[in-house]
C-alpha atoms as a PDB file:
ATOM      1  CA  UNK A   1       0.000   0.000   0.000  1.00  0.00           C
ATOM      2  CA  UNK A   2       2.896   2.353   0.734  1.00  0.00           C
ATOM      3  CA  UNK A   3       4.212   2.114  -2.850  1.00  0.00           C
ATOM      4  CA  UNK A   4       0.750   2.816  -4.231  1.00  0.00           C
ATOM      5  CA  UNK A   5       0.377   5.839  -1.930  1.00  0.00           C
ATOM      6  CA  UNK A   6       3.722   7.223  -3.122  1.00  0.00           C
ATOM      7  CA  UNK A   7       2.749   6.644  -6.752  1.00  0.00           C
ATOM      8  CA  UNK A   8      -0.631   8.342  -6.270  1.00  0.00           C
ATOM      9  CA  UNK A   9       1.070  11.293  -4.524  1.00  0.00           C
ATOM     10  CA  UNK A  10       3.408  11.526  -7.530  1.00  0.00           C
ATOM     11  CA  UNK A  11       0.397  11.538  -9.898  1.00  0.00           C
ATOM     12  CA  UNK A  12      -1.305  14.263  -7.865  1.00  0.00           C
ATOM     13  CA  UNK A  13       1.902  16.310  -7.888  1.00  0.00           C
ATOM     14  CA  UNK A  14       2.201  15.859 -11.663  1.00  0.00           C
ATOM     15  CA  UNK A  15      -1.380  17.106 -12.049  1.00  0.00           C
ATOM     16  CA  UNK A  16      -0.777  20.175  -9.874  1.00  0.00           C
ATOM     17  CA  UNK A  17       2.564  20.991 -11.514  1.00  0.00           C
ATOM     18  CA  UNK A  18       1.193  20.546 -15.052  1.00  0.00           C
ATOM     19  CA  UNK A  19      -1.680  22.924 -14.325  1.00  0.00           C
ATOM     20  CA  UNK A  20       0.698  25.535 -12.901  1.00  0.00           C
ATOM     21  CA  UNK A  21       2.845  25.182 -16.029  1.00  0.00           C
ATOM     22  CA  UNK A  22      -0.251  25.572 -18.220  1.00  0.00           C
ATOM     23  CA  UNK A  23      -1.233  28.777 -16.433  1.00  0.00           C
ATOM     24  CA  UNK A  24       2.270  30.199 -16.786  1.00  0.00           C
ATOM     25  CA  UNK A  25       3.158  28.973 -20.263  1.00  0.00           C
ATOM     26  CA  UNK A  26       0.061  28.747 -22.436  1.00  0.00           C
ATOM     27  CA  UNK A  27      -2.080  31.627 -23.636  1.00  0.00           C
ATOM     28  CA  UNK A  28      -5.803  31.170 -22.891  1.00  0.00           C
ATOM     29  CA  UNK A  29      -7.675  29.373 -25.669  1.00  0.00           C
ATOM     30  CA  UNK A  30      -9.988  31.336 -27.891  1.00  0.00           C
ATOM     31  CA  UNK A  31     -12.276  29.794 -30.482  1.00  0.00           C
ATOM     32  CA  UNK A  32     -11.839  32.991 -32.505  1.00  0.00           C
ATOM     33  CA  UNK A  33      -8.072  32.591 -32.797  1.00  0.00           C
ATOM     34  CA  UNK A  34      -6.892  31.560 -36.242  1.00  0.00           C
ATOM     35  CA  UNK A  35      -3.610  30.042 -34.981  1.00  0.00           C
ATOM     36  CA  UNK A  36      -3.070  26.287 -34.679  1.00  0.00           C
ATOM     37  CA  UNK A  37      -5.866  25.126 -33.237  1.00  0.00           C
ATOM     38  CA  UNK A  38      -7.363  27.959 -31.308  1.00  0.00           C
ATOM     39  CA  UNK A  39      -4.066  29.539 -30.297  1.00  0.00           C
ATOM     40  CA  UNK A  40      -2.623  26.408 -28.737  1.00  0.00           C
ATOM     41  CA  UNK A  41       0.899  25.057 -28.737  1.00  0.00           C
ATOM     42  CA  UNK A  42       1.073  22.233 -31.302  1.00  0.00           C
ATOM     43  CA  UNK A  43       2.609  18.952 -30.172  1.00  0.00           C
ATOM     44  CA  UNK A  44       1.777  16.934 -33.281  1.00  0.00           C
ATOM     45  CA  UNK A  45      -0.533  17.458 -36.223  1.00  0.00           C
ATOM     46  CA  UNK A  46      -2.341  15.040 -38.497  1.00  0.00           C
ATOM     47  CA  UNK A  47      -0.850  11.808 -37.227  1.00  0.00           C
ATOM     48  CA  UNK A  48      -3.300   9.429 -38.928  1.00  0.00           C
ATOM     49  CA  UNK A  49      -5.897  12.187 -38.661  1.00  0.00           C
ATOM     50  CA  UNK A  50      -5.210  12.962 -35.001  1.00  0.00           C
ATOM     51  CA  UNK A  51      -3.760  16.257 -33.758  1.00  0.00           C
ATOM     52  CA  UNK A  52      -2.694  17.178 -30.237  1.00  0.00           C
ATOM     53  CA  UNK A  53      -2.004  20.584 -28.738  1.00  0.00           C
ATOM     54  CA  UNK A  54      -1.739  22.329 -25.402  1.00  0.00           C
ATOM     55  CA  UNK A  55      -4.539  24.838 -24.877  1.00  0.00           C
ATOM     56  CA  UNK A  56      -5.228  26.605 -21.598  1.00  0.00           C
ATOM     57  CA  UNK A  57      -8.929  26.817 -20.701  1.00  0.00           C
ATOM     58  CA  UNK A  58     -10.857  27.146 -17.465  1.00  0.00           C
ATOM     59  CA  UNK A  59     -13.827  24.981 -16.618  1.00  0.00           C
ATOM     60  CA  UNK A  60     -16.323  25.913 -13.913  1.00  0.00           C
ATOM     61  CA  UNK A  61     -18.333  22.752 -14.560  1.00  0.00           C
ATOM     62  CA  UNK A  62     -17.800  19.013 -14.568  1.00  0.00           C
ATOM     63  CA  UNK A  63     -16.798  16.863 -17.545  1.00  0.00           C
ATOM     64  CA  UNK A  64     -17.478  18.602 -20.874  1.00  0.00           C
ATOM     65  CA  UNK A  65     -18.532  21.735 -18.979  1.00  0.00           C
ATOM     66  CA  UNK A  66     -21.694  20.134 -17.584  1.00  0.00           C
ATOM     67  CA  UNK A  67     -23.256  22.007 -14.649  1.00  0.00           C
ATOM     68  CA  UNK A  68     -21.015  25.039 -15.252  1.00  0.00           C
ATOM     69  CA  UNK A  69     -23.424  27.338 -13.427  1.00  0.00           C
ATOM     70  CA  UNK A  70     -23.261  25.356 -10.198  1.00  0.00           C
ATOM     71  CA  UNK A  71     -19.667  25.398  -8.865  1.00  0.00           C
ATOM     72  CA  UNK A  72     -20.690  25.113  -5.204  1.00  0.00           C
ATOM     73  CA  UNK A  73     -22.858  22.086  -5.897  1.00  0.00           C
ATOM     74  CA  UNK A  74     -20.039  20.470  -7.874  1.00  0.00           C
ATOM     75  CA  UNK A  75     -17.538  21.178  -5.097  1.00  0.00           C
ATOM     76  CA  UNK A  76     -19.857  19.518  -2.576  1.00  0.00           C
ATOM     77  CA  UNK A  77     -20.480  16.552  -4.866  1.00  0.00           C
ATOM     78  CA  UNK A  78     -16.770  16.071  -5.595  1.00  0.00           C
ATOM     79  CA  UNK A  79     -15.935  16.314  -1.892  1.00  0.00           C
ATOM     80  CA  UNK A  80     -18.677  13.800  -1.042  1.00  0.00           C
ATOM     81  CA  UNK A  81     -17.352  11.373  -3.659  1.00  0.00           C
ATOM     82  CA  UNK A  82     -13.774  11.746  -2.425  1.00  0.00           C
ATOM     83  CA  UNK A  83     -14.741  11.194   1.207  1.00  0.00           C
ATOM     84  CA  UNK A  84     -17.087   8.341   0.350  1.00  0.00           C
ATOM     85  CA  UNK A  85     -14.632   6.439  -1.845  1.00  0.00           C
ATOM     86  CA  UNK A  86     -11.674   7.033   0.476  1.00  0.00           C
ATOM     87  CA  UNK A  87     -13.710   5.909   3.514  1.00  0.00           C
ATOM     88  CA  UNK A  88     -14.857   2.825   1.644  1.00  0.00           C
ATOM     89  CA  UNK A  89     -11.297   1.930   0.632  1.00  0.00           C
ATOM     90  CA  UNK A  90      -9.776   2.580   4.040  1.00  0.00           C
ATOM     91  CA  UNK A  91     -12.441   1.187   6.352  1.00  0.00           C
ATOM     92  CA  UNK A  92     -15.071  -0.919   4.600  1.00  0.00           C
ATOM     93  CA  UNK A  93     -13.532  -2.538   1.516  1.00  0.00           C
ATOM     94  CA  UNK A  94     -13.720  -6.333   1.617  1.00  0.00           C
ATOM     95  CA  UNK A  95     -12.167  -8.943  -0.640  1.00  0.00           C
ATOM     96  CA  UNK A  96     -14.702  -8.798  -3.474  1.00  0.00           C
ATOM     97  CA  UNK A  97     -15.356  -5.052  -3.333  1.00  0.00           C
ATOM     98  CA  UNK A  98     -14.169  -2.412  -5.751  1.00  0.00           C
ATOM     99  CA  UNK A  99     -10.601  -2.977  -6.943  1.00  0.00           C
ATOM    100  CA  UNK A 100      -8.396  -0.647  -4.910  1.00  0.00           C
ATOM    101  CA  UNK A 101      -5.977   0.850  -7.438  1.00  0.00           C
ATOM    102  CA  UNK A 102      -8.576   2.010 -10.018  1.00  0.00           C
ATOM    103  CA  UNK A 103     -10.699   3.436  -7.223  1.00  0.00           C
ATOM    104  CA  UNK A 104      -7.714   5.297  -5.775  1.00  0.00           C
ATOM    105  CA  UNK A 105      -7.041   6.704  -9.268  1.00  0.00           C
ATOM    106  CA  UNK A 106     -10.564   8.144  -9.281  1.00  0.00           C
ATOM    107  CA  UNK A 107     -10.021   9.650  -5.821  1.00  0.00           C
ATOM    108  CA  UNK A 108      -6.660  11.123  -6.879  1.00  0.00           C
ATOM    109  CA  UNK A 109      -8.174  12.758  -9.964  1.00  0.00           C
ATOM    110  CA  UNK A 110     -11.090  14.143  -7.989  1.00  0.00           C
ATOM    111  CA  UNK A 111      -8.699  15.583  -5.387  1.00  0.00           C
ATOM    112  CA  UNK A 112      -6.680  17.249  -8.170  1.00  0.00           C
ATOM    113  CA  UNK A 113      -9.771  18.968  -9.529  1.00  0.00           C
ATOM    114  CA  UNK A 114     -10.983  19.992  -6.060  1.00  0.00           C
ATOM    115  CA  UNK A 115      -7.584  21.572  -5.393  1.00  0.00           C
ATOM    116  CA  UNK A 116      -8.071  23.615  -8.582  1.00  0.00           C
ATOM    117  CA  UNK A 117     -11.467  24.774  -7.407  1.00  0.00           C
ATOM    118  CA  UNK A 118     -10.062  25.790  -4.006  1.00  0.00           C
ATOM    119  CA  UNK A 119      -7.075  27.622  -5.519  1.00  0.00           C
ATOM    120  CA  UNK A 120      -8.612  29.198  -8.623  1.00  0.00           C
ATOM    121  CA  UNK A 121     -12.403  28.858  -8.410  1.00  0.00           C
ATOM    122  CA  UNK A 122     -12.394  26.656 -11.539  1.00  0.00           C
ATOM    123  CA  UNK A 123     -10.593  23.663 -13.019  1.00  0.00           C
ATOM    124  CA  UNK A 124      -7.593  24.142 -15.311  1.00  0.00           C
ATOM    125  CA  UNK A 125      -7.725  22.125 -18.553  1.00  0.00           C
ATOM    126  CA  UNK A 126      -4.989  22.103 -21.179  1.00  0.00           C
ATOM    127  CA  UNK A 127      -4.785  18.812 -23.132  1.00  0.00           C
ATOM    128  CA  UNK A 128      -6.557  19.139 -26.485  1.00  0.00           C
ATOM    129  CA  UNK A 129      -7.016  16.444 -29.117  1.00  0.00           C
ATOM    130  CA  UNK A 130      -8.622  16.732 -32.526  1.00  0.00           C
ATOM    131  CA  UNK A 131      -9.789  13.440 -34.019  1.00  0.00           C
ATOM    132  CA  UNK A 132     -10.322  13.531 -37.784  1.00  0.00           C
ATOM    133  CA  UNK A 133     -11.318  17.193 -37.771  1.00  0.00           C
ATOM    134  CA  UNK A 134     -13.448  16.991 -34.608  1.00  0.00           C
ATOM    135  CA  UNK A 135     -12.335  18.778 -31.467  1.00  0.00           C
ATOM    136  CA  UNK A 136     -12.389  16.618 -28.319  1.00  0.00           C
ATOM    137  CA  UNK A 137     -13.129  18.503 -25.079  1.00  0.00           C
ATOM    138  CA  UNK A 138     -10.011  19.908 -23.440  1.00  0.00           C
ATOM    139  CA  UNK A 139      -9.027  18.019 -20.279  1.00  0.00           C
ATOM    140  CA  UNK A 140      -6.238  17.647 -17.691  1.00  0.00           C
ATOM    141  CA  UNK A 141      -4.239  14.889 -15.995  1.00  0.00           C
ATOM    142  CA  UNK A 142      -6.729  14.584 -13.124  1.00  0.00           C
ATOM    143  CA  UNK A 143      -9.500  13.927 -15.666  1.00  0.00           C
ATOM    144  CA  UNK A 144      -7.281  11.237 -17.188  1.00  0.00           C
ATOM    145  CA  UNK A 145      -6.826   9.573 -13.794  1.00  0.00           C
ATOM    146  CA  UNK A 146     -10.591   9.510 -13.265  1.00  0.00           C
ATOM    147  CA  UNK A 147     -11.168   8.056 -16.736  1.00  0.00           C
ATOM    148  CA  UNK A 148      -8.451   5.416 -16.316  1.00  0.00           C
ATOM    149  CA  UNK A 149      -9.877   4.510 -12.909  1.00  0.00           C
ATOM    150  CA  UNK A 150     -13.377   4.041 -14.306  1.00  0.00           C
ATOM    151  CA  UNK A 151     -12.036   1.974 -17.229  1.00  0.00           C
ATOM    152  CA  UNK A 152     -10.010  -0.076 -14.725  1.00  0.00           C
ATOM    153  CA  UNK A 153     -13.121  -0.737 -12.632  1.00  0.00           C
ATOM    154  CA  UNK A 154     -15.123  -1.817 -15.680  1.00  0.00           C
ATOM    155  CA  UNK A 155     -12.268  -4.006 -16.912  1.00  0.00           C
ATOM    156  CA  UNK A 156     -11.720  -5.574 -13.471  1.00  0.00           C
ATOM    157  CA  UNK A 157     -15.439  -6.276 -13.120  1.00  0.00           C
ATOM    158  CA  UNK A 158     -15.671  -7.869 -16.561  1.00  0.00           C
ATOM    159  CA  UNK A 159     -12.686 -10.142 -15.743  1.00  0.00           C
ATOM    160  CA  UNK A 160     -14.162 -10.982 -12.349  1.00  0.00           C
ATOM    161  CA  UNK A 161     -17.511 -11.971 -13.893  1.00  0.00           C
ATOM    162  CA  UNK A 162     -15.939 -14.169 -16.580  1.00  0.00           C
ATOM    163  CA  UNK A 163     -13.383 -15.930 -14.358  1.00  0.00           C
ATOM    164  CA  UNK A 164     -14.373 -19.446 -13.246  1.00  0.00           C
ATOM    165  CA  UNK A 165     -15.362 -19.943  -9.623  1.00  0.00           C
ATOM    166  CA  UNK A 166     -13.182 -22.293  -7.551  1.00  0.00           C
END
């Protein structure tokens, strides 16, 4: 557990540091900007139809800007999820419960976004993909941790259901 805690602390630090670097080093994104795409810093373009750039945007909502007009509600919901999942993992998790590492990834990502809200009043997003001419919503490392955690839970559950019983 100690190695996992150190790794998760490293991931949280990477999220915080990357957001500080985005604030300091990337001009805010504007959909009216004619530069590569929307004023961002290009990393690669048209690699089998996929482009990637760094674009600094703020998000007062949840994923894809949902509930943008309700930051207090989102803060409370995120905090409730963090406390609920962490309590479950630390005090109530039994052998066949949620897999620990993917769940801790979700908690780590949620903590990263809550820290943004406490420091800035919004979440900092800066990773921007375009897939075959379609812009994917801009996101951050914490969002990636949450997504990977959810995928890990789904994957772990599908393996658990298909594995033979002893």
